């Protein structure tokens, strides 16, 4: 039927997405450390929507998955490249 269903992202998903966008490549344990809570559900949601992808594995014990944003993320937020993301408050001069 090709129905265009629009859904909103939860606050947790937006937090995870912004952390990954600014700090990629990054692992789930690193995201959890920054947020202070488990991020599994938000990561699953963002992966299923095609905004994130697995881009490799960290060469440490356990070889955790590295996550990064996709071209769909850039398109959805109207960005040509990651460098077009707004500066974080502590990065402004």
PDB file of N, CA and C in Angstrom:
ATOM      1  N   UNK A   1       0.811  -1.206   0.000  1.00  0.00           N
ATOM      2  CA  UNK A   1       0.000   0.000   0.000  1.00  0.00           C
ATOM      3  C   UNK A   1       0.847   1.260   0.000  1.00  0.00           C
ATOM      4  N   UNK A   2       2.120   1.148   0.385  1.00  0.00           N
ATOM      5  CA  UNK A   2       3.044   2.273   0.408  1.00  0.00           C
ATOM      6  C   UNK A   2       2.499   3.492   1.156  1.00  0.00           C
ATOM      7  N   UNK A   3       1.937   3.249   2.328  1.00  0.00           N
ATOM      8  CA  UNK A   3       1.425   4.340   3.149  1.00  0.00           C
ATOM      9  C   UNK A   3       2.595   5.015   3.850  1.00  0.00           C
ATOM     10  N   UNK A   4       2.612   6.327   3.861  1.00  0.00           N
ATOM     11  CA  UNK A   4       3.673   7.068   4.530  1.00  0.00           C
ATOM     12  C   UNK A   4       3.275   7.287   5.975  1.00  0.00           C
ATOM     13  N   UNK A   5       3.858   6.516   6.857  1.00  0.00           N
ATOM     14  CA  UNK A   5       3.536   6.604   8.276  1.00  0.00           C
ATOM     15  C   UNK A   5       4.611   7.457   8.947  1.00  0.00           C
ATOM     16  N   UNK A   6       4.178   8.506   9.608  1.00  0.00           N
ATOM     17  CA  UNK A   6       5.138   9.341  10.320  1.00  0.00           C
ATOM     18  C   UNK A   6       5.050   9.017  11.808  1.00  0.00           C
ATOM     19  N   UNK A   7       6.211   8.816  12.392  1.00  0.00           N
ATOM     20  CA  UNK A   7       6.267   8.556  13.819  1.00  0.00           C
ATOM     21  C   UNK A   7       7.280   9.499  14.437  1.00  0.00           C
ATOM     22  N   UNK A   8       7.064   9.801  15.669  1.00  0.00           N
ATOM     23  CA  UNK A   8       7.981  10.672  16.396  1.00  0.00           C
ATOM     24  C   UNK A   8       8.980   9.814  17.160  1.00  0.00           C
ATOM     25  N   UNK A   9      10.173  10.371  17.321  1.00  0.00           N
ATOM     26  CA  UNK A   9      11.181   9.689  18.113  1.00  0.00           C
ATOM     27  C   UNK A   9      11.017  10.080  19.570  1.00  0.00           C
ATOM     28  N   UNK A  10      11.239   9.129  20.461  1.00  0.00           N
ATOM     29  CA  UNK A  10      11.151   9.400  21.891  1.00  0.00           C
ATOM     30  C   UNK A  10      12.327  10.284  22.309  1.00  0.00           C
ATOM     31  N   UNK A  11      12.220  10.857  23.496  1.00  0.00           N
ATOM     32  CA  UNK A  11      13.308  11.669  24.035  1.00  0.00           C
ATOM     33  C   UNK A  11      14.590  10.840  24.148  1.00  0.00           C
ATOM     34  N   UNK A  12      14.456   9.589  24.582  1.00  0.00           N
ATOM     35  CA  UNK A  12      15.623   8.716  24.708  1.00  0.00           C
ATOM     36  C   UNK A  12      16.266   8.475  23.348  1.00  0.00           C
ATOM     37  N   UNK A  13      15.455   8.228  22.315  1.00  0.00           N
ATOM     38  CA  UNK A  13      15.989   7.990  20.973  1.00  0.00           C
ATOM     39  C   UNK A  13      16.688   9.237  20.444  1.00  0.00           C
ATOM     40  N   UNK A  14      16.127  10.407  20.702  1.00  0.00           N
ATOM     41  CA  UNK A  14      16.764  11.648  20.265  1.00  0.00           C
ATOM     42  C   UNK A  14      18.094  11.871  20.984  1.00  0.00           C
ATOM     43  N   UNK A  15      18.147  11.540  22.269  1.00  0.00           N
ATOM     44  CA  UNK A  15      19.401  11.661  23.021  1.00  0.00           C
ATOM     45  C   UNK A  15      20.466  10.748  22.425  1.00  0.00           C
ATOM     46  N   UNK A  16      20.108   9.490  22.189  1.00  0.00           N
ATOM     47  CA  UNK A  16      21.057   8.528  21.636  1.00  0.00           C
ATOM     48  C   UNK A  16      21.503   8.967  20.253  1.00  0.00           C
ATOM     49  N   UNK A  17      20.566   9.416  19.431  1.00  0.00           N
ATOM     50  CA  UNK A  17      20.895   9.857  18.082  1.00  0.00           C
ATOM     51  C   UNK A  17      21.853  11.043  18.091  1.00  0.00           C
ATOM     52  N   UNK A  18      21.631  11.988  18.981  1.00  0.00           N
ATOM     53  CA  UNK A  18      22.516  13.150  19.037  1.00  0.00           C
ATOM     54  C   UNK A  18      23.906  12.763  19.561  1.00  0.00           C
ATOM     55  N   UNK A  19      23.972  11.868  20.527  1.00  0.00           N
ATOM     56  CA  UNK A  19      25.267  11.412  21.031  1.00  0.00           C
ATOM     57  C   UNK A  19      26.056  10.743  19.911  1.00  0.00           C
ATOM     58  N   UNK A  20      25.396   9.873  19.164  1.00  0.00           N
ATOM     59  CA  UNK A  20      26.081   9.171  18.079  1.00  0.00           C
ATOM     60  C   UNK A  20      26.481  10.141  16.976  1.00  0.00           C
ATOM     61  N   UNK A  21      25.604  11.071  16.625  1.00  0.00           N
ATOM     62  CA  UNK A  21      25.904  12.018  15.549  1.00  0.00           C
ATOM     63  C   UNK A  21      27.164  12.820  15.854  1.00  0.00           C
ATOM     64  N   UNK A  22      27.316  13.252  17.094  1.00  0.00           N
ATOM     65  CA  UNK A  22      28.459  14.088  17.457  1.00  0.00           C
ATOM     66  C   UNK A  22      29.716  13.299  17.815  1.00  0.00           C
ATOM     67  N   UNK A  23      29.569  12.050  18.242  1.00  0.00           N
ATOM     68  CA  UNK A  23      30.729  11.325  18.777  1.00  0.00           C
ATOM     69  C   UNK A  23      31.083  10.062  17.993  1.00  0.00           C
ATOM     70  N   UNK A  24      30.452   9.843  16.856  1.00  0.00           N
ATOM     71  CA  UNK A  24      30.697   8.596  16.125  1.00  0.00           C
ATOM     72  C   UNK A  24      32.131   8.475  15.637  1.00  0.00           C
ATOM     73  N   UNK A  25      32.635   7.255  15.536  1.00  0.00           N
ATOM     74  CA  UNK A  25      32.009   5.994  15.915  1.00  0.00           C
ATOM     75  C   UNK A  25      32.026   5.809  17.428  1.00  0.00           C
ATOM     76  N   UNK A  26      30.972   5.177  17.942  1.00  0.00           N
ATOM     77  CA  UNK A  26      30.821   5.036  19.388  1.00  0.00           C
ATOM     78  C   UNK A  26      30.119   3.709  19.684  1.00  0.00           C
ATOM     79  N   UNK A  27      30.426   3.125  20.835  1.00  0.00           N
ATOM     80  CA  UNK A  27      29.828   1.843  21.226  1.00  0.00           C
ATOM     81  C   UNK A  27      28.635   2.073  22.164  1.00  0.00           C
ATOM     82  N   UNK A  28      27.812   1.030  22.309  1.00  0.00           N
ATOM     83  CA  UNK A  28      26.668   1.130  23.213  1.00  0.00           C
ATOM     84  C   UNK A  28      27.104   1.369  24.654  1.00  0.00           C
ATOM     85  N   UNK A  29      28.151   0.675  25.160  1.00  0.00           N
ATOM     86  CA  UNK A  29      28.572   0.978  26.533  1.00  0.00           C
ATOM     87  C   UNK A  29      29.017   2.437  26.711  1.00  0.00           C
ATOM     88  N   UNK A  30      29.646   3.024  25.705  1.00  0.00           N
ATOM     89  CA  UNK A  30      30.018   4.436  25.791  1.00  0.00           C
ATOM     90  C   UNK A  30      28.780   5.327  25.833  1.00  0.00           C
ATOM     91  N   UNK A  31      27.777   4.995  25.034  1.00  0.00           N
ATOM     92  CA  UNK A  31      26.519   5.759  25.032  1.00  0.00           C
ATOM     93  C   UNK A  31      25.852   5.639  26.398  1.00  0.00           C
ATOM     94  N   UNK A  32      25.794   4.403  26.924  1.00  0.00           N
ATOM     95  CA  UNK A  32      25.190   4.175  28.243  1.00  0.00           C
ATOM     96  C   UNK A  32      25.909   4.968  29.327  1.00  0.00           C
ATOM     97  N   UNK A  33      27.244   5.050  29.253  1.00  0.00           N
ATOM     98  CA  UNK A  33      28.015   5.819  30.234  1.00  0.00           C
ATOM     99  C   UNK A  33      27.656   7.295  30.175  1.00  0.00           C
ATOM    100  N   UNK A  34      27.501   7.834  28.984  1.00  0.00           N
ATOM    101  CA  UNK A  34      27.152   9.250  28.824  1.00  0.00           C
ATOM    102  C   UNK A  34      25.753   9.522  29.347  1.00  0.00           C
ATOM    103  N   UNK A  35      24.804   8.651  29.014  1.00  0.00           N
ATOM    104  CA  UNK A  35      23.410   8.864  29.407  1.00  0.00           C
ATOM    105  C   UNK A  35      23.128   8.438  30.848  1.00  0.00           C
ATOM    106  N   UNK A  36      23.876   7.469  31.334  1.00  0.00           N
ATOM    107  CA  UNK A  36      23.644   6.968  32.690  1.00  0.00           C
ATOM    108  C   UNK A  36      22.540   5.936  32.769  1.00  0.00           C
ATOM    109  N   UNK A  37      21.995   5.521  31.633  1.00  0.00           N
ATOM    110  CA  UNK A  37      20.944   4.502  31.581  1.00  0.00           C
ATOM    111  C   UNK A  37      21.177   3.610  30.366  1.00  0.00           C
ATOM    112  N   UNK A  38      20.488   2.472  30.335  1.00  0.00           N
ATOM    113  CA  UNK A  38      20.591   1.535  29.229  1.00  0.00           C
ATOM    114  C   UNK A  38      19.966   2.135  27.969  1.00  0.00           C
ATOM    115  N   UNK A  39      20.620   1.942  26.829  1.00  0.00           N
ATOM    116  CA  UNK A  39      20.169   2.538  25.572  1.00  0.00           C
ATOM    117  C   UNK A  39      19.764   1.509  24.528  1.00  0.00           C
ATOM    118  N   UNK A  40      19.591   0.242  24.925  1.00  0.00           N
ATOM    119  CA  UNK A  40      19.274  -0.816  23.966  1.00  0.00           C
ATOM    120  C   UNK A  40      18.012  -0.525  23.155  1.00  0.00           C
ATOM    121  N   UNK A  41      16.933  -0.152  23.822  1.00  0.00           N
ATOM    122  CA  UNK A  41      15.666   0.080  23.130  1.00  0.00           C
ATOM    123  C   UNK A  41      15.754   1.215  22.124  1.00  0.00           C
ATOM    124  N   UNK A  42      16.382   2.303  22.527  1.00  0.00           N
ATOM    125  CA  UNK A  42      16.525   3.449  21.627  1.00  0.00           C
ATOM    126  C   UNK A  42      17.397   3.086  20.431  1.00  0.00           C
ATOM    127  N   UNK A  43      18.466   2.323  20.671  1.00  0.00           N
ATOM    128  CA  UNK A  43      19.334   1.898  19.568  1.00  0.00           C
ATOM    129  C   UNK A  43      18.566   1.018  18.581  1.00  0.00           C
ATOM    130  N   UNK A  44      17.785   0.086  19.093  1.00  0.00           N
ATOM    131  CA  UNK A  44      16.986  -0.786  18.212  1.00  0.00           C
ATOM    132  C   UNK A  44      16.023   0.041  17.363  1.00  0.00           C
ATOM    133  N   UNK A  45      15.368   1.014  17.980  1.00  0.00           N
ATOM    134  CA  UNK A  45      14.435   1.865  17.244  1.00  0.00           C
ATOM    135  C   UNK A  45      15.143   2.626  16.132  1.00  0.00           C
ATOM    136  N   UNK A  46      16.279   3.233  16.448  1.00  0.00           N
ATOM    137  CA  UNK A  46      17.010   4.026  15.461  1.00  0.00           C
ATOM    138  C   UNK A  46      17.582   3.159  14.343  1.00  0.00           C
ATOM    139  N   UNK A  47      18.033   1.957  14.679  1.00  0.00           N
ATOM    140  CA  UNK A  47      18.525   1.029  13.660  1.00  0.00           C
ATOM    141  C   UNK A  47      17.390   0.609  12.733  1.00  0.00           C
ATOM    142  N   UNK A  48      16.218   0.321  13.302  1.00  0.00           N
ATOM    143  CA  UNK A  48      15.087  -0.123  12.480  1.00  0.00           C
ATOM    144  C   UNK A  48      14.575   0.993  11.567  1.00  0.00           C
ATOM    145  N   UNK A  49      14.746   2.235  11.969  1.00  0.00           N
ATOM    146  CA  UNK A  49      14.317   3.364  11.141  1.00  0.00           C
ATOM    147  C   UNK A  49      15.376   3.771  10.116  1.00  0.00           C
ATOM    148  N   UNK A  50      16.534   3.126  10.166  1.00  0.00           N
ATOM    149  CA  UNK A  50      17.582   3.398   9.194  1.00  0.00           C
ATOM    150  C   UNK A  50      18.369   4.669   9.456  1.00  0.00           C
ATOM    151  N   UNK A  51      18.273   5.217  10.669  1.00  0.00           N
ATOM    152  CA  UNK A  51      19.020   6.433  10.994  1.00  0.00           C
ATOM    153  C   UNK A  51      20.423   6.127  11.499  1.00  0.00           C
ATOM    154  N   UNK A  52      20.621   4.886  11.967  1.00  0.00           N
ATOM    155  CA  UNK A  52      21.929   4.432  12.457  1.00  0.00           C
ATOM    156  C   UNK A  52      22.292   3.143  11.757  1.00  0.00           C
ATOM    157  N   UNK A  53      23.601   2.848  11.781  1.00  0.00           N
ATOM    158  CA  UNK A  53      24.068   1.572  11.261  1.00  0.00           C
ATOM    159  C   UNK A  53      25.287   1.114  12.048  1.00  0.00           C
ATOM    160  N   UNK A  54      25.527  -0.183  12.002  1.00  0.00           N
ATOM    161  CA  UNK A  54      26.735  -0.741  12.601  1.00  0.00           C
ATOM    162  C   UNK A  54      27.863  -0.502  11.608  1.00  0.00           C
ATOM    163  N   UNK A  55      28.938   0.165  12.066  1.00  0.00           N
ATOM    164  CA  UNK A  55      30.009   0.509  11.127  1.00  0.00           C
ATOM    165  C   UNK A  55      31.313  -0.234  11.417  1.00  0.00           C
ATOM    166  N   UNK A  56      31.275  -1.165  12.359  1.00  0.00           N
ATOM    167  CA  UNK A  56      32.465  -1.945  12.655  1.00  0.00           C
ATOM    168  C   UNK A  56      32.453  -2.427  14.088  1.00  0.00           C
ATOM    169  N   UNK A  57      33.620  -2.865  14.525  1.00  0.00           N
ATOM    170  CA  UNK A  57      33.777  -3.344  15.899  1.00  0.00           C
ATOM    171  C   UNK A  57      35.045  -2.756  16.481  1.00  0.00           C
ATOM    172  N   UNK A  58      34.982  -2.420  17.753  1.00  0.00           N
ATOM    173  CA  UNK A  58      36.133  -1.876  18.463  1.00  0.00           C
ATOM    174  C   UNK A  58      37.097  -3.019  18.788  1.00  0.00           C
ATOM    175  N   UNK A  59      38.375  -2.776  18.604  1.00  0.00           N
ATOM    176  CA  UNK A  59      39.390  -3.809  18.833  1.00  0.00           C
ATOM    177  C   UNK A  59      39.770  -3.881  20.312  1.00  0.00           C
ATOM    178  N   UNK A  60      38.805  -4.195  21.145  1.00  0.00           N
ATOM    179  CA  UNK A  60      39.016  -4.385  22.577  1.00  0.00           C
ATOM    180  C   UNK A  60      38.337  -5.694  22.973  1.00  0.00           C
ATOM    181  N   UNK A  61      38.586  -6.203  24.186  1.00  0.00           N
ATOM    182  CA  UNK A  61      37.909  -7.430  24.599  1.00  0.00           C
ATOM    183  C   UNK A  61      36.390  -7.301  24.462  1.00  0.00           C
ATOM    184  N   UNK A  62      35.794  -8.337  23.908  1.00  0.00           N
ATOM    185  CA  UNK A  62      34.363  -8.340  23.686  1.00  0.00           C
ATOM    186  C   UNK A  62      33.976  -7.766  22.333  1.00  0.00           C
ATOM    187  N   UNK A  63      34.898  -7.050  21.683  1.00  0.00           N
ATOM    188  CA  UNK A  63      34.686  -6.440  20.371  1.00  0.00           C
ATOM    189  C   UNK A  63      33.300  -5.797  20.227  1.00  0.00           C
ATOM    190  N   UNK A  64      33.027  -4.742  21.033  1.00  0.00           N
ATOM    191  CA  UNK A  64      31.712  -4.098  20.961  1.00  0.00           C
ATOM    192  C   UNK A  64      31.477  -3.447  19.593  1.00  0.00           C
ATOM    193  N   UNK A  65      30.223  -3.388  19.206  1.00  0.00           N
ATOM    194  CA  UNK A  65      29.818  -2.814  17.919  1.00  0.00           C
ATOM    195  C   UNK A  65      29.979  -1.299  17.957  1.00  0.00           C
ATOM    196  N   UNK A  66      30.503  -0.748  16.872  1.00  0.00           N
ATOM    197  CA  UNK A  66      30.597   0.703  16.696  1.00  0.00           C
ATOM    198  C   UNK A  66      29.396   1.165  15.870  1.00  0.00           C
ATOM    199  N   UNK A  67      28.767   2.230  16.312  1.00  0.00           N
ATOM    200  CA  UNK A  67      27.600   2.772  15.617  1.00  0.00           C
ATOM    201  C   UNK A  67      27.922   4.120  15.000  1.00  0.00           C
ATOM    202  N   UNK A  68      27.253   4.403  13.889  1.00  0.00           N
ATOM    203  CA  UNK A  68      27.370   5.689  13.220  1.00  0.00           C
ATOM    204  C   UNK A  68      26.060   6.020  12.526  1.00  0.00           C
ATOM    205  N   UNK A  69      25.945   7.239  12.065  1.00  0.00           N
ATOM    206  CA  UNK A  69      24.731   7.665  11.369  1.00  0.00           C
ATOM    207  C   UNK A  69      24.780   7.233   9.911  1.00  0.00           C
ATOM    208  N   UNK A  70      23.632   7.269   9.261  1.00  0.00           N
ATOM    209  CA  UNK A  70      23.494   6.862   7.864  1.00  0.00           C
ATOM    210  C   UNK A  70      23.229   8.073   6.974  1.00  0.00           C
ATOM    211  N   UNK A  71      23.328   7.891   5.667  1.00  0.00           N
ATOM    212  CA  UNK A  71      22.919   8.973   4.751  1.00  0.00           C
ATOM    213  C   UNK A  71      21.457   9.376   4.949  1.00  0.00           C
ATOM    214  N   UNK A  72      20.612   8.430   5.357  1.00  0.00           N
ATOM    215  CA  UNK A  72      19.201   8.748   5.632  1.00  0.00           C
ATOM    216  C   UNK A  72      19.081   9.726   6.800  1.00  0.00           C
ATOM    217  N   UNK A  73      19.971   9.606   7.794  1.00  0.00           N
ATOM    218  CA  UNK A  73      19.995  10.556   8.907  1.00  0.00           C
ATOM    219  C   UNK A  73      20.257  11.960   8.373  1.00  0.00           C
ATOM    220  N   UNK A  74      21.288  12.096   7.534  1.00  0.00           N
ATOM    221  CA  UNK A  74      21.611  13.409   6.972  1.00  0.00           C
ATOM    222  C   UNK A  74      20.442  13.965   6.176  1.00  0.00           C
ATOM    223  N   UNK A  75      19.846  13.127   5.335  1.00  0.00           N
ATOM    224  CA  UNK A  75      18.717  13.569   4.513  1.00  0.00           C
ATOM    225  C   UNK A  75      17.526  13.979   5.377  1.00  0.00           C
ATOM    226  N   UNK A  76      17.218  13.167   6.381  1.00  0.00           N
ATOM    227  CA  UNK A  76      16.067  13.448   7.245  1.00  0.00           C
ATOM    228  C   UNK A  76      16.213  14.788   7.973  1.00  0.00           C
ATOM    229  N   UNK A  77      17.441  15.124   8.379  1.00  0.00           N
ATOM    230  CA  UNK A  77      17.663  16.358   9.115  1.00  0.00           C
ATOM    231  C   UNK A  77      18.166  17.502   8.234  1.00  0.00           C
ATOM    232  N   UNK A  78      18.160  17.287   6.916  1.00  0.00           N
ATOM    233  CA  UNK A  78      18.509  18.350   5.978  1.00  0.00           C
ATOM    234  C   UNK A  78      19.967  18.757   6.019  1.00  0.00           C
ATOM    235  N   UNK A  79      20.853  17.795   6.231  1.00  0.00           N
ATOM    236  CA  UNK A  79      22.290  18.075   6.305  1.00  0.00           C
ATOM    237  C   UNK A  79      22.992  17.505   5.083  1.00  0.00           C
ATOM    238  N   UNK A  80      23.987  18.210   4.573  1.00  0.00           N
ATOM    239  CA  UNK A  80      24.775  17.699   3.461  1.00  0.00           C
ATOM    240  C   UNK A  80      25.893  16.796   3.969  1.00  0.00           C
ATOM    241  N   UNK A  81      26.399  17.104   5.169  1.00  0.00           N
ATOM    242  CA  UNK A  81      27.489  16.331   5.760  1.00  0.00           C
ATOM    243  C   UNK A  81      27.456  16.521   7.270  1.00  0.00           C
ATOM    244  N   UNK A  82      28.157  15.685   7.998  1.00  0.00           N
ATOM    245  CA  UNK A  82      28.157  15.752   9.462  1.00  0.00           C
ATOM    246  C   UNK A  82      28.718  17.069   9.981  1.00  0.00           C
ATOM    247  N   UNK A  83      29.636  17.657   9.255  1.00  0.00           N
ATOM    248  CA  UNK A  83      30.224  18.923   9.681  1.00  0.00           C
ATOM    249  C   UNK A  83      29.193  20.050   9.724  1.00  0.00           C
ATOM    250  N   UNK A  84      28.028  19.842   9.118  1.00  0.00           N
ATOM    251  CA  UNK A  84      26.964  20.851   9.123  1.00  0.00           C
ATOM    252  C   UNK A  84      26.118  20.812  10.399  1.00  0.00           C
ATOM    253  N   UNK A  85      26.392  19.856  11.293  1.00  0.00           N
ATOM    254  CA  UNK A  85      25.671  19.817  12.572  1.00  0.00           C
ATOM    255  C   UNK A  85      25.954  21.107  13.337  1.00  0.00           C
ATOM    256  N   UNK A  86      24.967  21.624  14.060  1.00  0.00           N
ATOM    257  CA  UNK A  86      25.210  22.828  14.859  1.00  0.00           C
ATOM    258  C   UNK A  86      26.281  22.560  15.919  1.00  0.00           C
ATOM    259  N   UNK A  87      27.034  23.580  16.261  1.00  0.00           N
ATOM    260  CA  UNK A  87      28.049  23.442  17.304  1.00  0.00           C
ATOM    261  C   UNK A  87      27.376  23.235  18.658  1.00  0.00           C
ATOM    262  N   UNK A  88      28.010  22.442  19.485  1.00  0.00           N
ATOM    263  CA  UNK A  88      27.528  22.279  20.861  1.00  0.00           C
ATOM    264  C   UNK A  88      27.892  23.525  21.639  1.00  0.00           C
ATOM    265  N   UNK A  89      27.147  23.858  22.693  1.00  0.00           N
ATOM    266  CA  UNK A  89      27.419  25.102  23.444  1.00  0.00           C
ATOM    267  C   UNK A  89      28.854  25.277  23.882  1.00  0.00           C
ATOM    268  N   UNK A  90      29.536  24.199  24.297  1.00  0.00           N
ATOM    269  CA  UNK A  90      30.922  24.359  24.742  1.00  0.00           C
ATOM    270  C   UNK A  90      31.911  24.416  23.582  1.00  0.00           C
ATOM    271  N   UNK A  91      31.448  24.209  22.346  1.00  0.00           N
ATOM    272  CA  UNK A  91      32.318  24.304  21.176  1.00  0.00           C
ATOM    273  C   UNK A  91      32.265  25.694  20.541  1.00  0.00           C
ATOM    274  N   UNK A  92      31.266  26.493  20.916  1.00  0.00           N
ATOM    275  CA  UNK A  92      31.136  27.835  20.346  1.00  0.00           C
ATOM    276  C   UNK A  92      32.243  28.731  20.887  1.00  0.00           C
ATOM    277  N   UNK A  93      32.699  29.644  20.037  1.00  0.00           N
ATOM    278  CA  UNK A  93      33.766  30.540  20.472  1.00  0.00           C
ATOM    279  C   UNK A  93      33.206  31.872  20.935  1.00  0.00           C
TER     280      UNK A  93
END
